[in-house]
Amino acid sequence: MPAPQLPAIHDLKSQAKRLRTVLNEWHQPASHSAALELMAAQYGYRDWNSLHAAAGKSEPPACPYQVGDRVTGRYLGQSFRATILTVQTRSDPTLFRVTFDLEEPVDVVRFDSFSAYRKRISLTLRKDGTTMEKTSDGQPHMVLDLIKV
């Protein structure tokens, strides 16, 4: 019987890729399509096409960002107010490429004798409003307040 909660398709493909790598390391050569078929069997489906169809029925997370939204947050530790100019979905449905037009430019350099101000910033955000990229002190490059202004 198929599993009630399936991973997203990109996660299933990643699992198949890791499986294929391990099998090849164990001198059990497997093609990518064979690894996909093995993933289907693991989840209780007769073949990859059936698993793909079942996993594709799950709804991707809704994008919390909309063009024209006015938002606040911190970028490189500096508070900002901005308008969202563009939103693009990524191959990973939990990530979104977002372009912001800041009301006031922020200095993107932390050096006393040099500055570089940016008014327009494009980065990839998680659904929670943070970037995966972090500064040297471990803080996300951007943290959005989830309350729109």
N, C-alpha and C. Protein backbone atom coordinates (compact mmCIF):
# COMPACT_ATOMS: atom_id res chain seq x y z
N MET A 1 0.84 -1.19 0.00
CA MET A 1 0.00 0.00 0.00
C MET A 1 0.89 1.25 0.00
N PRO A 2 0.58 2.24 -0.86
CA PRO A 2 1.39 3.45 -0.95
C PRO A 2 1.37 4.25 0.35
N ALA A 3 2.49 4.94 0.60
CA ALA A 3 2.60 5.78 1.80
C ALA A 3 1.65 6.96 1.69
N PRO A 4 0.97 7.33 2.78
CA PRO A 4 0.01 8.43 2.72
C PRO A 4 0.67 9.79 2.50
N GLN A 5 1.85 10.02 3.07
CA GLN A 5 2.54 11.30 2.93
C GLN A 5 3.81 11.09 2.12
N LEU A 6 3.85 11.62 0.92
CA LEU A 6 5.02 11.44 0.06
C LEU A 6 5.89 12.68 0.05
N PRO A 7 7.20 12.50 -0.09
CA PRO A 7 8.08 13.66 -0.26
C PRO A 7 7.77 14.35 -1.60
N ALA A 8 8.24 15.56 -1.74
CA ALA A 8 8.11 16.28 -3.00
C ALA A 8 8.92 15.55 -4.08
N ILE A 9 8.55 15.75 -5.32
CA ILE A 9 9.20 15.07 -6.44
C ILE A 9 10.70 15.35 -6.46
N HIS A 10 11.10 16.60 -6.22
CA HIS A 10 12.55 16.90 -6.24
C HIS A 10 13.27 16.14 -5.14
N ASP A 11 12.61 15.91 -3.99
CA ASP A 11 13.23 15.13 -2.92
C ASP A 11 13.35 13.66 -3.32
N LEU A 12 12.33 13.14 -3.99
CA LEU A 12 12.39 11.75 -4.46
C LEU A 12 13.53 11.56 -5.46
N LYS A 13 13.69 12.52 -6.35
CA LYS A 13 14.78 12.44 -7.33
C LYS A 13 16.14 12.52 -6.65
N SER A 14 16.24 13.36 -5.63
CA SER A 14 17.50 13.46 -4.87
C SER A 14 17.81 12.14 -4.16
N GLN A 15 16.77 11.52 -3.60
CA GLN A 15 16.97 10.22 -2.95
C GLN A 15 17.44 9.18 -3.95
N ALA A 16 16.85 9.19 -5.14
CA ALA A 16 17.25 8.23 -6.18
C ALA A 16 18.70 8.46 -6.60
N LYS A 17 19.10 9.72 -6.68
CA LYS A 17 20.47 10.03 -7.06
C LYS A 17 21.45 9.51 -5.99
N ARG A 18 21.11 9.72 -4.71
CA ARG A 18 21.97 9.21 -3.64
C ARG A 18 22.02 7.69 -3.65
N LEU A 19 20.88 7.05 -3.90
CA LEU A 19 20.82 5.59 -3.98
C LEU A 19 21.72 5.08 -5.09
N ARG A 20 21.64 5.71 -6.25
CA ARG A 20 22.46 5.31 -7.38
C ARG A 20 23.95 5.45 -7.06
N THR A 21 24.31 6.54 -6.40
CA THR A 21 25.71 6.76 -6.02
C THR A 21 26.20 5.64 -5.11
N VAL A 22 25.41 5.30 -4.10
CA VAL A 22 25.80 4.24 -3.16
C VAL A 22 25.90 2.90 -3.87
N LEU A 23 24.93 2.59 -4.71
CA LEU A 23 24.98 1.32 -5.44
C LEU A 23 26.23 1.23 -6.31
N ASN A 24 26.55 2.32 -6.98
CA ASN A 24 27.76 2.33 -7.82
C ASN A 24 29.02 2.18 -6.99
N GLU A 25 29.05 2.81 -5.79
CA GLU A 25 30.20 2.66 -4.90
C GLU A 25 30.35 1.22 -4.43
N TRP A 26 29.23 0.50 -4.31
CA TRP A 26 29.23 -0.90 -3.89
C TRP A 26 29.41 -1.84 -5.08
N HIS A 27 29.80 -1.29 -6.21
CA HIS A 27 30.03 -2.07 -7.44
C HIS A 27 28.76 -2.79 -7.89
N GLN A 28 27.63 -2.13 -7.70
CA GLN A 28 26.34 -2.61 -8.19
C GLN A 28 25.81 -1.54 -9.14
N PRO A 29 26.35 -1.46 -10.35
CA PRO A 29 25.98 -0.37 -11.25
C PRO A 29 24.46 -0.30 -11.45
N ALA A 30 23.97 0.93 -11.41
CA ALA A 30 22.54 1.18 -11.61
C ALA A 30 22.38 2.46 -12.40
N SER A 31 21.47 2.44 -13.35
CA SER A 31 21.17 3.65 -14.11
C SER A 31 20.28 4.54 -13.26
N HIS A 32 20.13 5.78 -13.69
CA HIS A 32 19.24 6.70 -12.95
C HIS A 32 17.80 6.19 -12.99
N SER A 33 17.38 5.67 -14.13
CA SER A 33 16.00 5.17 -14.23
C SER A 33 15.79 3.96 -13.32
N ALA A 34 16.81 3.11 -13.18
CA ALA A 34 16.70 1.97 -12.26
C ALA A 34 16.57 2.47 -10.82
N ALA A 35 17.32 3.51 -10.47
CA ALA A 35 17.23 4.06 -9.12
C ALA A 35 15.84 4.66 -8.87
N LEU A 36 15.27 5.30 -9.89
CA LEU A 36 13.91 5.84 -9.74
C LEU A 36 12.90 4.71 -9.52
N GLU A 37 13.07 3.62 -10.25
CA GLU A 37 12.17 2.47 -10.09
C GLU A 37 12.31 1.86 -8.69
N LEU A 38 13.54 1.81 -8.18
CA LEU A 38 13.75 1.32 -6.82
C LEU A 38 13.09 2.23 -5.79
N MET A 39 13.13 3.54 -6.03
CA MET A 39 12.45 4.48 -5.13
C MET A 39 10.94 4.20 -5.13
N ALA A 40 10.39 3.96 -6.30
CA ALA A 40 8.96 3.68 -6.39
C ALA A 40 8.61 2.43 -5.59
N ALA A 41 9.42 1.38 -5.73
CA ALA A 41 9.17 0.15 -4.97
C ALA A 41 9.27 0.40 -3.47
N GLN A 42 10.22 1.22 -3.06
CA GLN A 42 10.38 1.52 -1.64
C GLN A 42 9.14 2.19 -1.07
N TYR A 43 8.49 3.03 -1.86
CA TYR A 43 7.29 3.72 -1.39
C TYR A 43 6.00 2.96 -1.69
N GLY A 44 6.14 1.74 -2.24
CA GLY A 44 4.97 0.89 -2.44
C GLY A 44 4.25 1.10 -3.76
N TYR A 45 4.91 1.71 -4.73
CA TYR A 45 4.30 1.93 -6.05
C TYR A 45 4.90 0.96 -7.06
N ARG A 46 4.13 0.65 -8.09
CA ARG A 46 4.60 -0.36 -9.06
C ARG A 46 5.70 0.16 -9.96
N ASP A 47 5.75 1.50 -10.19
CA ASP A 47 6.80 2.06 -11.03
C ASP A 47 6.95 3.56 -10.74
N TRP A 48 8.00 4.14 -11.33
CA TRP A 48 8.29 5.55 -11.10
C TRP A 48 7.15 6.44 -11.56
N ASN A 49 6.54 6.14 -12.69
CA ASN A 49 5.46 6.98 -13.21
C ASN A 49 4.30 7.06 -12.22
N SER A 50 3.97 5.96 -11.58
CA SER A 50 2.89 5.95 -10.58
C SER A 50 3.28 6.78 -9.36
N LEU A 51 4.52 6.61 -8.89
CA LEU A 51 4.98 7.39 -7.75
C LEU A 51 5.01 8.88 -8.10
N HIS A 52 5.52 9.20 -9.27
CA HIS A 52 5.61 10.59 -9.72
C HIS A 52 4.22 11.23 -9.75
N ALA A 53 3.25 10.51 -10.29
CA ALA A 53 1.88 11.04 -10.36
C ALA A 53 1.31 11.26 -8.96
N ALA A 54 1.54 10.32 -8.06
CA ALA A 54 1.02 10.45 -6.69
C ALA A 54 1.69 11.60 -5.96
N ALA A 55 3.00 11.74 -6.11
CA ALA A 55 3.73 12.81 -5.43
C ALA A 55 3.38 14.17 -6.02
N GLY A 56 3.08 14.20 -7.30
CA GLY A 56 2.74 15.45 -7.97
C GLY A 56 1.40 16.01 -7.56
N LYS A 57 0.55 15.17 -6.96
CA LYS A 57 -0.77 15.63 -6.53
C LYS A 57 -0.70 16.46 -5.25
N SER A 58 0.41 16.35 -4.51
CA SER A 58 0.51 17.14 -3.29
C SER A 58 0.73 18.61 -3.67
N GLU A 59 0.12 19.47 -2.94
CA GLU A 59 0.16 20.90 -3.24
C GLU A 59 1.51 21.49 -2.82
N PRO A 60 2.15 22.25 -3.69
CA PRO A 60 3.36 22.94 -3.26
C PRO A 60 2.97 24.06 -2.29
N PRO A 61 3.89 24.45 -1.42
CA PRO A 61 3.56 25.51 -0.49
C PRO A 61 3.23 26.80 -1.23
N ALA A 62 2.24 27.51 -0.75
CA ALA A 62 1.86 28.77 -1.36
C ALA A 62 2.96 29.79 -1.13
N CYS A 63 3.19 30.63 -2.12
CA CYS A 63 4.22 31.67 -2.01
C CYS A 63 3.69 32.78 -1.09
N PRO A 64 4.43 33.07 -0.03
CA PRO A 64 3.97 34.11 0.89
C PRO A 64 4.27 35.53 0.40
N TYR A 65 4.99 35.67 -0.72
CA TYR A 65 5.41 36.97 -1.21
C TYR A 65 4.66 37.30 -2.49
N GLN A 66 4.23 38.54 -2.61
CA GLN A 66 3.52 38.99 -3.80
C GLN A 66 4.14 40.28 -4.30
N VAL A 67 4.19 40.44 -5.62
CA VAL A 67 4.69 41.67 -6.22
C VAL A 67 3.84 42.83 -5.69
N GLY A 68 4.52 43.89 -5.27
CA GLY A 68 3.83 45.07 -4.75
C GLY A 68 3.71 45.10 -3.24
N ASP A 69 3.93 43.95 -2.57
CA ASP A 69 3.88 43.94 -1.10
C ASP A 69 4.94 44.88 -0.56
N ARG A 70 4.56 45.59 0.49
CA ARG A 70 5.53 46.42 1.22
C ARG A 70 5.90 45.66 2.48
N VAL A 71 7.20 45.51 2.71
CA VAL A 71 7.68 44.69 3.82
C VAL A 71 8.75 45.44 4.60
N THR A 72 9.02 44.93 5.79
CA THR A 72 10.12 45.44 6.62
C THR A 72 10.97 44.24 7.03
N GLY A 73 12.18 44.54 7.48
CA GLY A 73 13.05 43.47 7.94
C GLY A 73 14.45 43.98 8.18
N ARG A 74 15.41 43.04 8.17
CA ARG A 74 16.81 43.38 8.35
C ARG A 74 17.61 42.72 7.21
N TYR A 75 18.50 43.50 6.62
CA TYR A 75 19.40 42.99 5.60
C TYR A 75 20.82 43.30 6.07
N LEU A 76 21.63 42.27 6.23
CA LEU A 76 22.99 42.40 6.76
C LEU A 76 22.97 43.18 8.07
N GLY A 77 21.95 42.92 8.89
CA GLY A 77 21.84 43.53 10.21
C GLY A 77 21.25 44.92 10.22
N GLN A 78 20.88 45.46 9.06
CA GLN A 78 20.35 46.83 8.97
C GLN A 78 18.86 46.79 8.68
N SER A 79 18.09 47.56 9.42
CA SER A 79 16.65 47.62 9.22
C SER A 79 16.34 48.26 7.87
N PHE A 80 15.25 47.80 7.25
CA PHE A 80 14.83 48.37 5.98
C PHE A 80 13.32 48.28 5.82
N ARG A 81 12.83 49.09 4.90
CA ARG A 81 11.45 49.03 4.40
C ARG A 81 11.58 48.91 2.89
N ALA A 82 10.77 48.07 2.27
CA ALA A 82 10.94 47.85 0.83
C ALA A 82 9.63 47.45 0.18
N THR A 83 9.64 47.51 -1.14
CA THR A 83 8.55 47.02 -1.97
C THR A 83 9.08 45.83 -2.77
N ILE A 84 8.29 44.77 -2.85
CA ILE A 84 8.69 43.60 -3.63
C ILE A 84 8.44 43.89 -5.11
N LEU A 85 9.50 43.76 -5.92
CA LEU A 85 9.39 44.02 -7.36
C LEU A 85 9.11 42.76 -8.17
N THR A 86 9.79 41.66 -7.83
CA THR A 86 9.59 40.41 -8.58
C THR A 86 9.62 39.24 -7.61
N VAL A 87 8.91 38.18 -7.99
CA VAL A 87 8.92 36.93 -7.24
C VAL A 87 9.00 35.80 -8.26
N GLN A 88 9.95 34.90 -8.07
CA GLN A 88 10.10 33.75 -8.95
C GLN A 88 10.17 32.49 -8.09
N THR A 89 9.48 31.45 -8.54
CA THR A 89 9.60 30.17 -7.84
C THR A 89 10.88 29.49 -8.30
N ARG A 90 11.43 28.66 -7.45
CA ARG A 90 12.65 27.92 -7.74
C ARG A 90 12.27 26.46 -7.99
N SER A 91 13.25 25.65 -8.38
CA SER A 91 12.98 24.22 -8.57
C SER A 91 12.59 23.57 -7.26
N ASP A 92 13.12 24.10 -6.16
CA ASP A 92 12.69 23.67 -4.83
C ASP A 92 11.49 24.53 -4.46
N PRO A 93 10.30 23.94 -4.31
CA PRO A 93 9.09 24.75 -4.09
C PRO A 93 9.04 25.45 -2.74
N THR A 94 10.03 25.26 -1.89
CA THR A 94 10.05 25.96 -0.60
C THR A 94 10.91 27.21 -0.66
N LEU A 95 11.52 27.49 -1.84
CA LEU A 95 12.38 28.65 -2.01
C LEU A 95 11.82 29.58 -3.07
N PHE A 96 12.05 30.89 -2.87
CA PHE A 96 11.53 31.90 -3.79
C PHE A 96 12.60 32.96 -4.03
N ARG A 97 12.83 33.29 -5.29
CA ARG A 97 13.77 34.36 -5.65
C ARG A 97 12.98 35.66 -5.65
N VAL A 98 13.37 36.60 -4.79
CA VAL A 98 12.61 37.83 -4.60
C VAL A 98 13.52 39.03 -4.81
N THR A 99 13.01 40.04 -5.53
CA THR A 99 13.73 41.29 -5.72
C THR A 99 13.02 42.39 -4.95
N PHE A 100 13.80 43.14 -4.16
CA PHE A 100 13.28 44.21 -3.32
C PHE A 100 13.80 45.55 -3.79
N ASP A 101 12.95 46.57 -3.71
CA ASP A 101 13.35 47.95 -3.91
C ASP A 101 13.27 48.61 -2.54
N LEU A 102 14.43 48.89 -1.94
CA LEU A 102 14.46 49.46 -0.59
C LEU A 102 14.16 50.96 -0.63
N GLU A 103 13.44 51.44 0.38
CA GLU A 103 13.15 52.87 0.46
C GLU A 103 14.43 53.67 0.64
N GLU A 104 15.32 53.18 1.50
CA GLU A 104 16.61 53.82 1.74
C GLU A 104 17.70 52.80 1.46
N PRO A 105 18.76 53.18 0.74
CA PRO A 105 19.84 52.22 0.47
C PRO A 105 20.50 51.74 1.77
N VAL A 106 20.99 50.50 1.73
CA VAL A 106 21.74 49.96 2.87
C VAL A 106 23.19 49.73 2.44
N ASP A 107 24.10 49.89 3.39
CA ASP A 107 25.52 49.67 3.14
C ASP A 107 25.79 48.17 3.24
N VAL A 108 26.26 47.58 2.18
CA VAL A 108 26.49 46.13 2.17
C VAL A 108 27.93 45.77 2.54
N VAL A 109 28.71 46.76 2.96
CA VAL A 109 30.10 46.53 3.35
C VAL A 109 30.25 46.91 4.82
N ARG A 110 30.89 46.05 5.57
CA ARG A 110 31.16 46.33 6.99
C ARG A 110 32.63 46.68 7.14
N PHE A 111 32.96 47.88 6.70
CA PHE A 111 34.34 48.34 6.76
C PHE A 111 34.28 49.84 6.93
N ASP A 112 35.00 50.39 7.89
CA ASP A 112 34.90 51.81 8.23
C ASP A 112 35.29 52.75 7.09
N SER A 113 36.30 52.39 6.31
CA SER A 113 36.79 53.32 5.29
C SER A 113 36.24 53.05 3.89
N PHE A 114 35.22 52.19 3.79
CA PHE A 114 34.66 51.89 2.47
C PHE A 114 33.18 51.57 2.64
N SER A 115 32.38 52.02 1.68
CA SER A 115 30.95 51.75 1.70
C SER A 115 30.49 51.38 0.30
N ALA A 116 29.46 50.58 0.23
CA ALA A 116 28.81 50.24 -1.04
C ALA A 116 27.32 50.13 -0.73
N TYR A 117 26.57 51.09 -1.21
CA TYR A 117 25.14 51.13 -0.91
C TYR A 117 24.33 50.45 -2.00
N ARG A 118 23.31 49.73 -1.57
CA ARG A 118 22.40 49.05 -2.50
C ARG A 118 20.97 49.44 -2.17
N LYS A 119 20.22 49.73 -3.22
CA LYS A 119 18.81 50.04 -3.07
C LYS A 119 17.94 48.90 -3.59
N ARG A 120 18.47 48.15 -4.51
CA ARG A 120 17.75 47.00 -5.08
C ARG A 120 18.52 45.74 -4.74
N ILE A 121 17.81 44.77 -4.17
CA ILE A 121 18.44 43.52 -3.71
C ILE A 121 17.61 42.35 -4.22
N SER A 122 18.28 41.35 -4.78
CA SER A 122 17.63 40.10 -5.19
C SER A 122 18.29 38.96 -4.43
N LEU A 123 17.46 38.14 -3.80
CA LEU A 123 17.98 36.96 -3.10
C LEU A 123 16.93 35.88 -3.01
N THR A 124 17.39 34.71 -2.61
CA THR A 124 16.51 33.56 -2.48
C THR A 124 16.09 33.42 -1.03
N LEU A 125 14.77 33.43 -0.81
CA LEU A 125 14.21 33.35 0.53
C LEU A 125 13.48 32.05 0.75
N ARG A 126 13.52 31.61 1.99
CA ARG A 126 12.67 30.51 2.41
C ARG A 126 11.27 31.08 2.68
N LYS A 127 10.34 30.19 2.89
CA LYS A 127 8.97 30.60 3.17
C LYS A 127 8.89 31.42 4.46
N ASP A 128 9.82 31.18 5.41
CA ASP A 128 9.79 31.90 6.68
C ASP A 128 10.42 33.29 6.61
N GLY A 129 10.89 33.71 5.42
CA GLY A 129 11.44 35.05 5.27
C GLY A 129 12.91 35.18 5.58
N THR A 130 13.65 34.07 5.59
CA THR A 130 15.09 34.12 5.84
C THR A 130 15.84 33.54 4.65
N THR A 131 17.10 33.95 4.53
CA THR A 131 17.97 33.38 3.50
C THR A 131 18.75 32.21 4.09
N MET A 132 19.17 31.31 3.22
CA MET A 132 20.06 30.23 3.65
C MET A 132 21.47 30.77 3.87
N GLU A 133 21.86 31.76 3.06
CA GLU A 133 23.19 32.35 3.20
C GLU A 133 23.26 33.10 4.52
N LYS A 134 24.42 32.98 5.16
CA LYS A 134 24.62 33.62 6.46
C LYS A 134 25.87 34.48 6.45
N THR A 135 25.87 35.47 7.33
CA THR A 135 27.04 36.32 7.50
C THR A 135 28.08 35.56 8.31
N SER A 136 29.25 36.15 8.46
CA SER A 136 30.33 35.46 9.19
C SER A 136 29.97 35.23 10.66
N ASP A 137 29.01 35.99 11.19
CA ASP A 137 28.60 35.76 12.58
C ASP A 137 27.39 34.83 12.68
N GLY A 138 27.04 34.18 11.56
CA GLY A 138 26.00 33.15 11.58
C GLY A 138 24.57 33.64 11.41
N GLN A 139 24.38 34.93 11.13
CA GLN A 139 23.04 35.46 10.95
C GLN A 139 22.65 35.40 9.47
N PRO A 140 21.37 35.11 9.16
CA PRO A 140 20.94 35.13 7.76
C PRO A 140 21.18 36.50 7.14
N HIS A 141 21.52 36.54 5.85
CA HIS A 141 21.71 37.82 5.16
C HIS A 141 20.46 38.69 5.31
N MET A 142 19.27 38.07 5.12
CA MET A 142 18.03 38.83 5.26
C MET A 142 17.08 38.10 6.17
N VAL A 143 16.38 38.87 6.98
CA VAL A 143 15.30 38.35 7.81
C VAL A 143 14.13 39.30 7.60
N LEU A 144 13.05 38.79 6.98
CA LEU A 144 11.87 39.61 6.78
C LEU A 144 10.96 39.51 7.98
N ASP A 145 10.33 40.64 8.31
CA ASP A 145 9.22 40.59 9.25
C ASP A 145 8.06 40.02 8.46
N LEU A 146 7.35 39.06 9.01
CA LEU A 146 6.28 38.45 8.23
C LEU A 146 5.00 39.27 8.22
N ILE A 147 5.04 40.43 8.87
CA ILE A 147 3.91 41.34 8.84
C ILE A 147 4.15 42.34 7.72
N LYS A 148 3.25 42.39 6.76
CA LYS A 148 3.38 43.32 5.65
C LYS A 148 2.92 44.70 6.09
N VAL A 149 3.60 45.74 5.59
CA VAL A 149 3.23 47.11 5.97
C VAL A 149 2.43 47.77 4.88
